[in-house]
Amino acid sequence: MKELYSEIEINASAGRVWGVLTDFPRLPAWNPFMQRASGPLQEGEKLEVRLQPPDGSGMTIKPTLLKVEPDRELRWLGHLFVPGLFDGEHIFIIEPLGEDRVRFIQREEFRGILASLLLGMIGENTRRGFETMNQALKAEVEKPGGTAQE
């Protein structure tokens, strides 16, 4: 298994971070990496997600939601063509650090026979995409008078 990892501390409640992260219609307004997402936010359901890494080719994926734990964790699994070839489990974790402070963790675990090869090609841009998204999420969540519900 190969993994990409990025984290950031955000000065806001877990509910506020979750509200912005899962407000799919508003993603294009603030998120440079995950430019759009749609679908029911329920375990077992499929989403349609458009990813745009910096300096890389964008792609639309249709992952299956594995875990939806409001204010805490969102996890999905996507495949390139068929399971076992190049599988990516994307994980968002909101870890409370205090009343209005969280650590936001974004990880992706890659498996499959092409994982090492493809990750060598796309890994750095994807990691940078995580970091730009984390920074944008922090800016959106911490901005005064934000629109997300807690």
N, C-alpha and C. Protein backbone atom coordinates (compact mmCIF):
# COMPACT_ATOMS: atom_id res chain seq x y z
N MET A 1 0.85 -1.19 0.00
CA MET A 1 0.00 0.00 0.00
C MET A 1 0.89 1.24 0.00
N LYS A 2 0.49 2.24 -0.77
CA LYS A 2 1.15 3.54 -0.82
C LYS A 2 0.17 4.55 -0.26
N GLU A 3 0.69 5.64 0.33
CA GLU A 3 -0.19 6.63 0.94
C GLU A 3 0.30 8.05 0.67
N LEU A 4 -0.66 8.95 0.45
CA LEU A 4 -0.41 10.38 0.44
C LEU A 4 -1.11 10.95 1.67
N TYR A 5 -0.51 11.99 2.27
CA TYR A 5 -1.02 12.50 3.53
C TYR A 5 -0.79 14.01 3.59
N SER A 6 -1.78 14.72 4.11
CA SER A 6 -1.65 16.15 4.35
C SER A 6 -2.58 16.51 5.50
N GLU A 7 -2.14 17.45 6.34
CA GLU A 7 -2.99 17.90 7.44
C GLU A 7 -2.82 19.40 7.64
N ILE A 8 -3.82 19.98 8.31
CA ILE A 8 -3.78 21.41 8.62
C ILE A 8 -4.64 21.63 9.86
N GLU A 9 -4.25 22.59 10.68
CA GLU A 9 -5.08 22.99 11.82
C GLU A 9 -5.98 24.13 11.38
N ILE A 10 -7.23 24.04 11.79
CA ILE A 10 -8.24 25.03 11.43
C ILE A 10 -8.89 25.56 12.69
N ASN A 11 -9.03 26.87 12.78
CA ASN A 11 -9.65 27.51 13.94
C ASN A 11 -11.15 27.61 13.72
N ALA A 12 -11.83 26.50 13.95
CA ALA A 12 -13.28 26.42 13.82
C ALA A 12 -13.74 25.11 14.44
N SER A 13 -15.03 25.02 14.66
CA SER A 13 -15.59 23.78 15.22
C SER A 13 -15.61 22.68 14.16
N ALA A 14 -15.67 21.44 14.64
CA ALA A 14 -15.78 20.30 13.73
C ALA A 14 -17.04 20.41 12.87
N GLY A 15 -18.13 20.91 13.45
CA GLY A 15 -19.38 21.06 12.71
C GLY A 15 -19.25 22.05 11.57
N ARG A 16 -18.54 23.11 11.81
CA ARG A 16 -18.35 24.12 10.75
C ARG A 16 -17.50 23.57 9.61
N VAL A 17 -16.41 22.86 9.94
CA VAL A 17 -15.55 22.27 8.92
C VAL A 17 -16.34 21.24 8.11
N TRP A 18 -17.09 20.38 8.80
CA TRP A 18 -17.91 19.37 8.12
C TRP A 18 -18.93 20.05 7.19
N GLY A 19 -19.55 21.11 7.68
CA GLY A 19 -20.57 21.81 6.89
C GLY A 19 -20.01 22.34 5.59
N VAL A 20 -18.83 22.92 5.62
CA VAL A 20 -18.21 23.46 4.40
C VAL A 20 -17.76 22.32 3.51
N LEU A 21 -17.10 21.31 4.08
CA LEU A 21 -16.59 20.17 3.30
C LEU A 21 -17.70 19.43 2.55
N THR A 22 -18.85 19.29 3.16
CA THR A 22 -19.91 18.48 2.56
C THR A 22 -21.00 19.30 1.87
N ASP A 23 -20.81 20.60 1.76
CA ASP A 23 -21.75 21.45 1.02
C ASP A 23 -21.34 21.40 -0.45
N PHE A 24 -21.69 20.30 -1.11
CA PHE A 24 -21.23 20.03 -2.47
C PHE A 24 -21.56 21.14 -3.47
N PRO A 25 -22.74 21.74 -3.43
CA PRO A 25 -23.01 22.81 -4.41
C PRO A 25 -22.05 24.00 -4.30
N ARG A 26 -21.47 24.24 -3.13
CA ARG A 26 -20.57 25.38 -2.95
C ARG A 26 -19.10 25.06 -3.25
N LEU A 27 -18.75 23.80 -3.49
CA LEU A 27 -17.34 23.45 -3.73
C LEU A 27 -16.66 24.31 -4.79
N PRO A 28 -17.29 24.54 -5.94
CA PRO A 28 -16.60 25.32 -6.98
C PRO A 28 -16.22 26.73 -6.53
N ALA A 29 -16.89 27.26 -5.53
CA ALA A 29 -16.62 28.63 -5.07
C ALA A 29 -15.31 28.74 -4.28
N TRP A 30 -14.85 27.63 -3.71
CA TRP A 30 -13.66 27.74 -2.86
C TRP A 30 -12.62 26.65 -3.07
N ASN A 31 -12.98 25.52 -3.64
CA ASN A 31 -12.09 24.36 -3.65
C ASN A 31 -11.35 24.22 -4.99
N PRO A 32 -10.04 24.47 -5.02
CA PRO A 32 -9.30 24.37 -6.28
C PRO A 32 -8.97 22.94 -6.69
N PHE A 33 -9.06 21.98 -5.78
CA PHE A 33 -8.69 20.59 -6.07
C PHE A 33 -9.91 19.72 -6.35
N MET A 34 -10.87 19.70 -5.42
CA MET A 34 -12.10 18.92 -5.60
C MET A 34 -13.14 19.91 -6.10
N GLN A 35 -13.17 20.09 -7.41
CA GLN A 35 -13.93 21.19 -7.99
C GLN A 35 -15.43 20.99 -7.99
N ARG A 36 -15.86 19.77 -7.94
CA ARG A 36 -17.30 19.53 -7.77
C ARG A 36 -17.52 18.10 -7.30
N ALA A 37 -18.63 17.93 -6.63
CA ALA A 37 -19.04 16.62 -6.15
C ALA A 37 -20.56 16.60 -6.09
N SER A 38 -21.10 15.44 -6.36
CA SER A 38 -22.55 15.29 -6.27
C SER A 38 -22.87 13.85 -5.89
N GLY A 39 -24.04 13.69 -5.34
CA GLY A 39 -24.50 12.38 -4.93
C GLY A 39 -24.95 12.40 -3.48
N PRO A 40 -25.70 11.37 -3.09
CA PRO A 40 -26.19 11.30 -1.71
C PRO A 40 -25.05 11.01 -0.74
N LEU A 41 -25.05 11.69 0.36
CA LEU A 41 -24.02 11.54 1.38
C LEU A 41 -24.42 10.42 2.33
N GLN A 42 -24.42 9.19 1.80
CA GLN A 42 -24.82 8.01 2.56
C GLN A 42 -23.87 6.87 2.24
N GLU A 43 -23.49 6.13 3.29
CA GLU A 43 -22.61 4.99 3.08
C GLU A 43 -23.21 4.02 2.06
N GLY A 44 -22.36 3.52 1.17
CA GLY A 44 -22.80 2.59 0.13
C GLY A 44 -23.22 3.27 -1.16
N GLU A 45 -23.44 4.57 -1.12
CA GLU A 45 -23.85 5.32 -2.32
C GLU A 45 -22.63 5.76 -3.12
N LYS A 46 -22.87 6.03 -4.40
CA LYS A 46 -21.80 6.52 -5.28
C LYS A 46 -21.87 8.04 -5.39
N LEU A 47 -20.69 8.65 -5.44
CA LEU A 47 -20.57 10.08 -5.71
C LEU A 47 -19.99 10.24 -7.11
N GLU A 48 -20.12 11.42 -7.64
CA GLU A 48 -19.38 11.81 -8.83
C GLU A 48 -18.54 13.02 -8.42
N VAL A 49 -17.21 12.90 -8.55
CA VAL A 49 -16.29 13.90 -8.03
C VAL A 49 -15.32 14.31 -9.14
N ARG A 50 -15.14 15.60 -9.33
CA ARG A 50 -14.19 16.14 -10.30
C ARG A 50 -12.97 16.64 -9.53
N LEU A 51 -11.80 16.05 -9.82
CA LEU A 51 -10.54 16.41 -9.18
C LEU A 51 -9.65 17.11 -10.19
N GLN A 52 -8.97 18.16 -9.74
CA GLN A 52 -8.06 18.91 -10.61
C GLN A 52 -6.76 19.19 -9.85
N PRO A 53 -5.77 18.29 -9.96
CA PRO A 53 -4.49 18.56 -9.29
C PRO A 53 -3.77 19.73 -9.94
N PRO A 54 -2.96 20.46 -9.18
CA PRO A 54 -2.19 21.56 -9.77
C PRO A 54 -1.25 21.01 -10.85
N ASP A 55 -1.17 21.68 -11.96
CA ASP A 55 -0.28 21.28 -13.05
C ASP A 55 -0.51 19.86 -13.53
N GLY A 56 -1.71 19.34 -13.35
CA GLY A 56 -2.01 17.98 -13.78
C GLY A 56 -3.32 17.92 -14.53
N SER A 57 -3.59 16.77 -15.07
CA SER A 57 -4.85 16.56 -15.79
C SER A 57 -5.97 16.30 -14.79
N GLY A 58 -7.10 16.93 -15.03
CA GLY A 58 -8.26 16.69 -14.19
C GLY A 58 -8.89 15.35 -14.52
N MET A 59 -9.65 14.83 -13.57
CA MET A 59 -10.36 13.58 -13.81
C MET A 59 -11.64 13.55 -12.99
N THR A 60 -12.61 12.85 -13.54
CA THR A 60 -13.86 12.64 -12.82
C THR A 60 -13.88 11.19 -12.36
N ILE A 61 -14.14 11.01 -11.07
CA ILE A 61 -14.20 9.67 -10.49
C ILE A 61 -15.60 9.43 -9.95
N LYS A 62 -15.94 8.16 -9.78
CA LYS A 62 -17.24 7.77 -9.24
C LYS A 62 -17.04 6.78 -8.10
N PRO A 63 -16.55 7.31 -6.96
CA PRO A 63 -16.26 6.43 -5.84
C PRO A 63 -17.51 6.05 -5.04
N THR A 64 -17.36 4.99 -4.26
CA THR A 64 -18.41 4.53 -3.36
C THR A 64 -18.08 5.00 -1.94
N LEU A 65 -19.07 5.60 -1.28
CA LEU A 65 -18.87 6.06 0.10
C LEU A 65 -18.78 4.87 1.05
N LEU A 66 -17.68 4.83 1.80
CA LEU A 66 -17.47 3.76 2.77
C LEU A 66 -17.88 4.18 4.18
N LYS A 67 -17.67 5.47 4.50
CA LYS A 67 -17.98 5.95 5.84
C LYS A 67 -18.42 7.40 5.77
N VAL A 68 -19.52 7.69 6.43
CA VAL A 68 -20.03 9.05 6.56
C VAL A 68 -20.36 9.24 8.04
N GLU A 69 -19.45 9.87 8.76
CA GLU A 69 -19.64 10.14 10.17
C GLU A 69 -19.60 11.65 10.36
N PRO A 70 -20.78 12.30 10.40
CA PRO A 70 -20.83 13.76 10.47
C PRO A 70 -19.91 14.34 11.54
N ASP A 71 -19.27 15.43 11.17
CA ASP A 71 -18.34 16.18 12.03
C ASP A 71 -17.06 15.41 12.36
N ARG A 72 -16.85 14.24 11.72
CA ARG A 72 -15.69 13.43 12.09
C ARG A 72 -14.95 12.82 10.89
N GLU A 73 -15.66 12.09 10.00
CA GLU A 73 -14.94 11.36 8.95
C GLU A 73 -15.81 11.13 7.71
N LEU A 74 -15.15 11.29 6.56
CA LEU A 74 -15.75 10.98 5.26
C LEU A 74 -14.73 10.15 4.51
N ARG A 75 -15.18 9.01 3.97
CA ARG A 75 -14.25 8.07 3.34
C ARG A 75 -14.91 7.46 2.11
N TRP A 76 -14.15 7.39 1.01
CA TRP A 76 -14.68 6.75 -0.19
C TRP A 76 -13.62 5.90 -0.86
N LEU A 77 -14.06 4.99 -1.72
CA LEU A 77 -13.17 4.11 -2.47
C LEU A 77 -13.47 4.23 -3.95
N GLY A 78 -12.42 4.52 -4.71
CA GLY A 78 -12.55 4.60 -6.16
C GLY A 78 -11.58 3.63 -6.82
N HIS A 79 -11.88 3.28 -8.07
CA HIS A 79 -11.06 2.34 -8.84
C HIS A 79 -10.77 2.93 -10.21
N LEU A 80 -9.61 2.59 -10.75
CA LEU A 80 -9.30 2.91 -12.13
C LEU A 80 -9.68 1.68 -12.95
N PHE A 81 -10.71 1.82 -13.75
CA PHE A 81 -11.25 0.76 -14.61
C PHE A 81 -11.85 -0.38 -13.79
N VAL A 82 -11.03 -1.26 -13.21
CA VAL A 82 -11.56 -2.41 -12.46
C VAL A 82 -10.86 -2.48 -11.10
N PRO A 83 -11.56 -3.00 -10.08
CA PRO A 83 -10.94 -3.14 -8.77
C PRO A 83 -9.67 -4.00 -8.84
N GLY A 84 -8.65 -3.57 -8.08
CA GLY A 84 -7.41 -4.32 -8.03
C GLY A 84 -6.32 -3.81 -8.95
N LEU A 85 -6.69 -2.98 -9.90
CA LEU A 85 -5.71 -2.40 -10.82
C LEU A 85 -5.03 -1.18 -10.19
N PHE A 86 -5.85 -0.21 -9.80
CA PHE A 86 -5.38 0.99 -9.10
C PHE A 86 -6.55 1.50 -8.30
N ASP A 87 -6.54 1.21 -7.01
CA ASP A 87 -7.65 1.58 -6.11
C ASP A 87 -7.17 2.67 -5.17
N GLY A 88 -8.02 3.65 -4.95
CA GLY A 88 -7.69 4.72 -4.03
C GLY A 88 -8.78 4.90 -3.00
N GLU A 89 -8.41 4.80 -1.73
CA GLU A 89 -9.34 5.06 -0.63
C GLU A 89 -9.01 6.44 -0.08
N HIS A 90 -9.91 7.39 -0.31
CA HIS A 90 -9.71 8.78 0.10
C HIS A 90 -10.38 8.97 1.45
N ILE A 91 -9.65 9.61 2.37
CA ILE A 91 -10.12 9.74 3.75
C ILE A 91 -9.96 11.19 4.19
N PHE A 92 -11.06 11.76 4.69
CA PHE A 92 -11.05 13.08 5.32
C PHE A 92 -11.37 12.85 6.79
N ILE A 93 -10.52 13.34 7.68
CA ILE A 93 -10.74 13.20 9.12
C ILE A 93 -10.74 14.59 9.75
N ILE A 94 -11.73 14.83 10.58
CA ILE A 94 -11.80 16.07 11.36
C ILE A 94 -11.58 15.67 12.81
N GLU A 95 -10.43 16.08 13.35
CA GLU A 95 -10.02 15.68 14.69
C GLU A 95 -10.10 16.89 15.62
N PRO A 96 -11.05 16.91 16.56
CA PRO A 96 -11.17 18.05 17.47
C PRO A 96 -9.91 18.21 18.33
N LEU A 97 -9.45 19.45 18.43
CA LEU A 97 -8.29 19.77 19.27
C LEU A 97 -8.69 20.68 20.43
N GLY A 98 -9.87 21.23 20.36
CA GLY A 98 -10.39 22.15 21.37
C GLY A 98 -11.79 22.53 20.94
N GLU A 99 -12.37 23.49 21.63
CA GLU A 99 -13.76 23.87 21.33
C GLU A 99 -13.92 24.40 19.91
N ASP A 100 -13.03 25.24 19.48
CA ASP A 100 -13.12 25.81 18.13
C ASP A 100 -11.80 25.65 17.38
N ARG A 101 -11.25 24.44 17.44
CA ARG A 101 -10.00 24.15 16.74
C ARG A 101 -9.97 22.67 16.39
N VAL A 102 -9.62 22.38 15.13
CA VAL A 102 -9.56 20.99 14.68
C VAL A 102 -8.29 20.78 13.85
N ARG A 103 -7.93 19.52 13.74
CA ARG A 103 -6.93 19.11 12.77
C ARG A 103 -7.70 18.44 11.64
N PHE A 104 -7.51 18.95 10.42
CA PHE A 104 -8.14 18.37 9.24
C PHE A 104 -7.08 17.54 8.54
N ILE A 105 -7.36 16.25 8.39
CA ILE A 105 -6.43 15.32 7.76
C ILE A 105 -7.04 14.82 6.46
N GLN A 106 -6.24 14.85 5.43
CA GLN A 106 -6.65 14.32 4.13
C GLN A 106 -5.61 13.27 3.73
N ARG A 107 -6.08 12.05 3.51
CA ARG A 107 -5.18 10.94 3.15
C ARG A 107 -5.77 10.18 1.97
N GLU A 108 -4.89 9.52 1.27
CA GLU A 108 -5.35 8.57 0.27
C GLU A 108 -4.43 7.37 0.33
N GLU A 109 -5.04 6.20 0.43
CA GLU A 109 -4.31 4.94 0.44
C GLU A 109 -4.51 4.29 -0.92
N PHE A 110 -3.41 3.97 -1.57
CA PHE A 110 -3.46 3.38 -2.91
C PHE A 110 -3.04 1.92 -2.85
N ARG A 111 -3.79 1.10 -3.56
CA ARG A 111 -3.50 -0.33 -3.66
C ARG A 111 -3.70 -0.75 -5.11
N GLY A 112 -3.21 -1.91 -5.42
CA GLY A 112 -3.42 -2.47 -6.76
C GLY A 112 -2.11 -2.67 -7.50
N ILE A 113 -2.17 -3.44 -8.57
CA ILE A 113 -0.95 -3.81 -9.28
C ILE A 113 -0.27 -2.63 -9.96
N LEU A 114 -1.00 -1.56 -10.24
CA LEU A 114 -0.40 -0.38 -10.86
C LEU A 114 -0.14 0.76 -9.87
N ALA A 115 -0.34 0.51 -8.57
CA ALA A 115 -0.26 1.59 -7.58
C ALA A 115 1.11 2.27 -7.58
N SER A 116 2.18 1.51 -7.53
CA SER A 116 3.52 2.13 -7.48
C SER A 116 3.81 2.92 -8.74
N LEU A 117 3.51 2.35 -9.87
CA LEU A 117 3.80 3.01 -11.15
C LEU A 117 3.00 4.31 -11.29
N LEU A 118 1.69 4.24 -11.11
CA LEU A 118 0.85 5.42 -11.31
C LEU A 118 1.09 6.47 -10.23
N LEU A 119 1.33 6.03 -9.01
CA LEU A 119 1.58 7.00 -7.95
C LEU A 119 2.88 7.75 -8.21
N GLY A 120 3.86 7.07 -8.81
CA GLY A 120 5.08 7.75 -9.21
C GLY A 120 4.83 8.84 -10.23
N MET A 121 3.79 8.68 -11.03
CA MET A 121 3.47 9.65 -12.08
C MET A 121 2.59 10.79 -11.56
N ILE A 122 1.66 10.49 -10.67
CA ILE A 122 0.68 11.49 -10.25
C ILE A 122 0.80 11.90 -8.79
N GLY A 123 1.63 11.23 -8.03
CA GLY A 123 1.68 11.41 -6.58
C GLY A 123 1.98 12.82 -6.13
N GLU A 124 3.01 13.44 -6.70
CA GLU A 124 3.40 14.78 -6.25
C GLU A 124 2.31 15.81 -6.54
N ASN A 125 1.74 15.78 -7.73
CA ASN A 125 0.65 16.72 -8.05
C ASN A 125 -0.57 16.48 -7.17
N THR A 126 -0.88 15.22 -6.91
CA THR A 126 -2.03 14.92 -6.06
C THR A 126 -1.79 15.40 -4.64
N ARG A 127 -0.59 15.18 -4.10
CA ARG A 127 -0.27 15.67 -2.75
C ARG A 127 -0.39 17.19 -2.70
N ARG A 128 0.10 17.87 -3.73
CA ARG A 128 -0.03 19.32 -3.78
C ARG A 128 -1.50 19.73 -3.87
N GLY A 129 -2.31 18.94 -4.56
CA GLY A 129 -3.75 19.19 -4.60
C GLY A 129 -4.38 19.10 -3.22
N PHE A 130 -3.97 18.10 -2.43
CA PHE A 130 -4.45 17.98 -1.05
C PHE A 130 -4.10 19.25 -0.28
N GLU A 131 -2.85 19.70 -0.41
CA GLU A 131 -2.40 20.86 0.35
C GLU A 131 -3.13 22.14 -0.06
N THR A 132 -3.35 22.33 -1.37
CA THR A 132 -4.08 23.53 -1.80
C THR A 132 -5.53 23.47 -1.33
N MET A 133 -6.12 22.29 -1.35
CA MET A 133 -7.49 22.16 -0.85
C MET A 133 -7.54 22.43 0.64
N ASN A 134 -6.59 21.89 1.40
CA ASN A 134 -6.58 22.11 2.85
C ASN A 134 -6.47 23.60 3.17
N GLN A 135 -5.58 24.30 2.47
CA GLN A 135 -5.42 25.74 2.69
C GLN A 135 -6.71 26.48 2.33
N ALA A 136 -7.33 26.10 1.23
CA ALA A 136 -8.58 26.75 0.80
C ALA A 136 -9.71 26.47 1.79
N LEU A 137 -9.77 25.24 2.30
CA LEU A 137 -10.80 24.89 3.30
C LEU A 137 -10.60 25.74 4.55
N LYS A 138 -9.37 25.86 5.01
CA LYS A 138 -9.07 26.68 6.19
C LYS A 138 -9.51 28.12 5.96
N ALA A 139 -9.17 28.68 4.81
CA ALA A 139 -9.55 30.07 4.50
C ALA A 139 -11.07 30.22 4.46
N GLU A 140 -11.75 29.27 3.84
CA GLU A 140 -13.21 29.34 3.72
C GLU A 140 -13.89 29.22 5.08
N VAL A 141 -13.44 28.28 5.88
CA VAL A 141 -14.05 28.02 7.18
C VAL A 141 -13.79 29.15 8.17
N GLU A 142 -12.58 29.71 8.11
CA GLU A 142 -12.21 30.75 9.08
C GLU A 142 -12.67 32.15 8.67
N LYS A 143 -13.16 32.31 7.47
CA LYS A 143 -13.55 33.66 7.03
C LYS A 143 -14.77 34.13 7.83
N PRO A 144 -14.75 35.38 8.26
CA PRO A 144 -15.86 35.91 9.06
C PRO A 144 -17.17 35.88 8.27
N GLY A 145 -18.24 35.57 8.98
CA GLY A 145 -19.56 35.60 8.34
C GLY A 145 -19.75 34.53 7.30
N GLY A 146 -19.06 33.37 7.45
CA GLY A 146 -19.17 32.29 6.47
C GLY A 146 -20.60 31.77 6.36
N THR A 147 -20.83 30.98 5.33
CA THR A 147 -22.19 30.53 5.03
C THR A 147 -22.51 29.13 5.55
N ALA A 148 -21.50 28.40 6.01
CA ALA A 148 -21.76 27.02 6.43
C ALA A 148 -22.52 26.99 7.76
N GLN A 149 -23.36 26.00 7.89
CA GLN A 149 -24.12 25.81 9.13
C GLN A 149 -23.30 24.96 10.08
N GLU A 150 -23.43 25.22 11.37
CA GLU A 150 -22.76 24.38 12.36
C GLU A 150 -23.73 23.38 12.91
